């Protein structure tokens, strides 16, 4: 659905093969998305190794999550039904 809504504006109106142009643009988009997600995965794996290998970082990460959940609980406690 995204491809049908977004990509047609980049297909030339005087082309004889709009279907192939759409397929090419879709393939380029998927390739770029694959590269970006590979970067995200590599970065996440590196950050995981950094966090797991250092107990101090892991301790502060757990504390920050606990504080966040406490904050959400307090917000929920004082919220009213609408």
N, C-alpha and C. Protein backbone atom coordinates (compact mmCIF):
# COMPACT_ATOMS: atom_id res chain seq x y z
N UNK A 1 0.82 -1.19 0.00
CA UNK A 1 0.00 0.00 0.00
C UNK A 1 0.87 1.26 0.00
N UNK A 2 1.97 1.22 0.76
CA UNK A 2 2.87 2.37 0.79
C UNK A 2 3.42 2.65 -0.60
N UNK A 3 3.85 1.59 -1.29
CA UNK A 3 4.43 1.78 -2.62
C UNK A 3 3.41 2.40 -3.58
N UNK A 4 2.18 1.96 -3.49
CA UNK A 4 1.15 2.48 -4.40
C UNK A 4 0.77 3.92 -4.09
N UNK A 5 0.98 4.34 -2.86
CA UNK A 5 0.64 5.71 -2.49
C UNK A 5 1.80 6.67 -2.67
N UNK A 6 3.02 6.20 -2.49
CA UNK A 6 4.18 7.11 -2.45
C UNK A 6 4.99 7.13 -3.75
N UNK A 7 5.24 5.96 -4.32
CA UNK A 7 6.17 5.89 -5.44
C UNK A 7 5.65 6.43 -6.78
N UNK A 8 4.36 6.40 -7.07
CA UNK A 8 3.92 6.88 -8.39
C UNK A 8 4.31 8.32 -8.70
N UNK A 9 4.48 9.15 -7.72
CA UNK A 9 4.86 10.54 -7.99
C UNK A 9 6.27 10.66 -8.55
N UNK A 10 7.07 9.59 -8.45
CA UNK A 10 8.43 9.61 -8.97
C UNK A 10 8.57 8.90 -10.31
N UNK A 11 7.47 8.37 -10.84
CA UNK A 11 7.50 7.72 -12.16
C UNK A 11 7.18 8.78 -13.20
N UNK A 12 8.00 8.82 -14.22
CA UNK A 12 7.79 9.81 -15.28
C UNK A 12 6.49 9.53 -16.03
N UNK A 13 5.81 10.56 -16.42
CA UNK A 13 4.52 10.40 -17.11
C UNK A 13 4.70 9.98 -18.56
N UNK A 14 5.85 10.23 -19.16
CA UNK A 14 6.05 9.88 -20.56
C UNK A 14 6.75 8.53 -20.75
N UNK A 15 6.87 7.73 -19.69
CA UNK A 15 7.53 6.43 -19.79
C UNK A 15 6.60 5.41 -20.46
N UNK A 16 7.22 4.45 -21.12
CA UNK A 16 6.43 3.40 -21.77
C UNK A 16 6.25 2.19 -20.87
N UNK A 17 7.04 2.13 -19.80
CA UNK A 17 6.97 0.98 -18.88
C UNK A 17 6.81 1.45 -17.43
N UNK A 18 5.66 1.99 -17.08
CA UNK A 18 5.51 2.49 -15.70
C UNK A 18 5.55 1.37 -14.66
N UNK A 19 5.10 0.17 -15.03
CA UNK A 19 5.11 -0.94 -14.08
C UNK A 19 6.55 -1.30 -13.71
N UNK A 20 7.42 -1.38 -14.71
CA UNK A 20 8.81 -1.71 -14.44
C UNK A 20 9.50 -0.60 -13.66
N UNK A 21 9.14 0.64 -13.95
CA UNK A 21 9.71 1.75 -13.18
C UNK A 21 9.30 1.68 -11.72
N UNK A 22 8.03 1.33 -11.48
CA UNK A 22 7.55 1.17 -10.10
C UNK A 22 8.28 0.01 -9.42
N UNK A 23 8.47 -1.09 -10.12
CA UNK A 23 9.18 -2.23 -9.53
C UNK A 23 10.63 -1.86 -9.22
N UNK A 24 11.27 -1.11 -10.10
CA UNK A 24 12.64 -0.69 -9.86
C UNK A 24 12.73 0.24 -8.64
N UNK A 25 11.82 1.20 -8.57
CA UNK A 25 11.82 2.10 -7.41
C UNK A 25 11.54 1.33 -6.12
N UNK A 26 10.62 0.37 -6.16
CA UNK A 26 10.34 -0.45 -4.98
C UNK A 26 11.55 -1.27 -4.56
N UNK A 27 12.27 -1.82 -5.54
CA UNK A 27 13.47 -2.60 -5.23
C UNK A 27 14.56 -1.72 -4.62
N UNK A 28 14.72 -0.52 -5.16
CA UNK A 28 15.71 0.40 -4.60
C UNK A 28 15.34 0.77 -3.17
N UNK A 29 14.07 1.04 -2.94
CA UNK A 29 13.62 1.37 -1.58
C UNK A 29 13.88 0.21 -0.62
N UNK A 30 13.58 -1.02 -1.06
CA UNK A 30 13.79 -2.18 -0.18
C UNK A 30 15.28 -2.40 0.08
N UNK A 31 16.13 -2.14 -0.91
CA UNK A 31 17.57 -2.30 -0.70
C UNK A 31 18.09 -1.27 0.31
N UNK A 32 17.65 -0.04 0.18
CA UNK A 32 18.06 0.99 1.13
C UNK A 32 17.56 0.64 2.54
N UNK A 33 16.34 0.16 2.63
CA UNK A 33 15.78 -0.23 3.93
C UNK A 33 16.59 -1.38 4.54
N UNK A 34 16.99 -2.35 3.71
CA UNK A 34 17.79 -3.46 4.19
C UNK A 34 19.12 -2.97 4.76
N UNK A 35 19.78 -2.05 4.06
CA UNK A 35 21.07 -1.52 4.53
C UNK A 35 20.89 -0.78 5.86
N UNK A 36 19.84 0.03 5.95
CA UNK A 36 19.59 0.78 7.19
C UNK A 36 19.30 -0.18 8.35
N UNK A 37 18.48 -1.21 8.13
CA UNK A 37 18.18 -2.16 9.20
C UNK A 37 19.41 -2.98 9.59
N UNK A 38 20.28 -3.27 8.63
CA UNK A 38 21.53 -3.96 8.97
C UNK A 38 22.40 -3.08 9.87
N UNK A 39 22.43 -1.78 9.58
CA UNK A 39 23.16 -0.85 10.44
C UNK A 39 22.55 -0.82 11.84
N UNK A 40 21.22 -0.74 11.92
CA UNK A 40 20.55 -0.74 13.23
C UNK A 40 20.87 -2.01 14.00
N UNK A 41 20.83 -3.15 13.34
CA UNK A 41 21.12 -4.41 14.01
C UNK A 41 22.55 -4.49 14.51
N UNK A 42 23.48 -4.04 13.70
CA UNK A 42 24.89 -4.03 14.11
C UNK A 42 25.11 -3.10 15.29
N UNK A 43 24.52 -1.92 15.23
CA UNK A 43 24.65 -0.97 16.32
C UNK A 43 24.03 -1.51 17.60
N UNK A 44 22.86 -2.15 17.49
CA UNK A 44 22.20 -2.72 18.67
C UNK A 44 23.04 -3.84 19.28
N UNK A 45 23.65 -4.66 18.45
CA UNK A 45 24.50 -5.74 18.96
C UNK A 45 25.73 -5.17 19.69
N UNK A 46 26.30 -4.10 19.13
CA UNK A 46 27.45 -3.47 19.79
C UNK A 46 27.04 -2.85 21.12
N UNK A 47 25.90 -2.19 21.15
CA UNK A 47 25.43 -1.58 22.40
C UNK A 47 25.09 -2.65 23.44
N UNK A 48 24.51 -3.76 22.99
CA UNK A 48 24.20 -4.84 23.92
C UNK A 48 25.48 -5.36 24.56
N UNK A 49 26.51 -5.55 23.75
CA UNK A 49 27.78 -6.04 24.28
C UNK A 49 28.35 -5.04 25.28
N UNK A 50 28.22 -3.77 25.00
CA UNK A 50 28.72 -2.73 25.91
C UNK A 50 27.96 -2.75 27.23
N UNK A 51 26.64 -2.90 27.16
CA UNK A 51 25.82 -2.87 28.37
C UNK A 51 26.02 -4.14 29.20
N UNK A 52 26.04 -5.29 28.56
CA UNK A 52 26.14 -6.56 29.29
C UNK A 52 27.53 -6.73 29.90
N UNK A 53 28.56 -6.20 29.25
CA UNK A 53 29.91 -6.41 29.76
C UNK A 53 30.27 -5.50 30.94
N UNK A 54 29.47 -4.48 31.18
CA UNK A 54 29.77 -3.55 32.27
C UNK A 54 28.63 -3.54 33.28
N UNK A 55 28.84 -4.14 34.46
CA UNK A 55 27.77 -4.23 35.46
C UNK A 55 27.27 -2.86 35.93
N UNK A 56 28.13 -1.86 35.95
CA UNK A 56 27.70 -0.53 36.40
C UNK A 56 26.67 0.05 35.42
N UNK A 57 26.92 -0.12 34.13
CA UNK A 57 25.98 0.38 33.12
C UNK A 57 24.66 -0.36 33.24
N UNK A 58 24.73 -1.67 33.43
CA UNK A 58 23.51 -2.47 33.56
C UNK A 58 22.73 -2.07 34.80
N UNK A 59 23.41 -1.79 35.90
CA UNK A 59 22.74 -1.38 37.13
C UNK A 59 22.02 -0.05 36.93
N UNK A 60 22.67 0.94 36.29
CA UNK A 60 22.03 2.23 36.08
C UNK A 60 20.90 2.14 35.06
N UNK A 61 21.03 1.25 34.10
CA UNK A 61 19.95 1.04 33.14
C UNK A 61 18.71 0.46 33.83
N UNK A 62 18.93 -0.50 34.72
CA UNK A 62 17.80 -1.07 35.47
C UNK A 62 17.16 -0.03 36.37
N UNK A 63 17.98 0.80 37.01
CA UNK A 63 17.43 1.86 37.87
C UNK A 63 16.60 2.86 37.07
N UNK A 64 17.09 3.22 35.88
CA UNK A 64 16.35 4.19 35.08
C UNK A 64 15.02 3.60 34.59
N UNK A 65 15.01 2.33 34.23
CA UNK A 65 13.75 1.69 33.85
C UNK A 65 12.79 1.62 35.04
N UNK A 66 13.33 1.29 36.22
CA UNK A 66 12.48 1.23 37.41
C UNK A 66 11.89 2.61 37.71
N UNK A 67 12.70 3.64 37.60
CA UNK A 67 12.21 5.00 37.83
C UNK A 67 11.14 5.38 36.81
N UNK A 68 11.35 4.98 35.57
CA UNK A 68 10.35 5.24 34.53
C UNK A 68 9.03 4.56 34.83
N UNK A 69 9.08 3.29 35.25
CA UNK A 69 7.85 2.58 35.59
C UNK A 69 7.17 3.17 36.81
N UNK A 70 7.95 3.62 37.78
CA UNK A 70 7.36 4.28 38.95
C UNK A 70 6.67 5.56 38.51
N UNK A 71 7.31 6.33 37.64
CA UNK A 71 6.69 7.55 37.13
C UNK A 71 5.40 7.27 36.38
N UNK A 72 5.39 6.24 35.55
CA UNK A 72 4.16 5.87 34.84
C UNK A 72 3.07 5.42 35.81
N UNK A 73 3.46 4.71 36.87
CA UNK A 73 2.49 4.29 37.88
C UNK A 73 1.88 5.46 38.62
N UNK A 74 2.72 6.44 38.97
CA UNK A 74 2.22 7.64 39.65
C UNK A 74 1.29 8.42 38.72
N UNK A 75 1.65 8.53 37.46
CA UNK A 75 0.80 9.22 36.50
C UNK A 75 -0.55 8.51 36.36
N UNK A 76 -0.51 7.19 36.32
CA UNK A 76 -1.74 6.42 36.24
C UNK A 76 -2.57 6.56 37.50
N UNK A 77 -1.92 6.64 38.64
CA UNK A 77 -2.62 6.79 39.91
C UNK A 77 -3.41 8.08 39.96
N UNK A 78 -2.84 9.15 39.44
CA UNK A 78 -3.50 10.44 39.51
C UNK A 78 -4.29 10.82 38.26
N UNK A 79 -4.38 9.92 37.31
CA UNK A 79 -5.18 10.22 36.11
C UNK A 79 -6.66 9.97 36.42
N UNK A 80 -7.49 10.70 35.73
CA UNK A 80 -8.93 10.55 35.95
C UNK A 80 -9.56 9.88 34.73
N UNK A 81 -10.68 9.20 34.98
CA UNK A 81 -11.42 8.60 33.88
C UNK A 81 -12.16 9.70 33.13
N UNK A 82 -12.08 9.66 31.82
CA UNK A 82 -12.80 10.68 31.04
C UNK A 82 -13.98 10.09 30.34
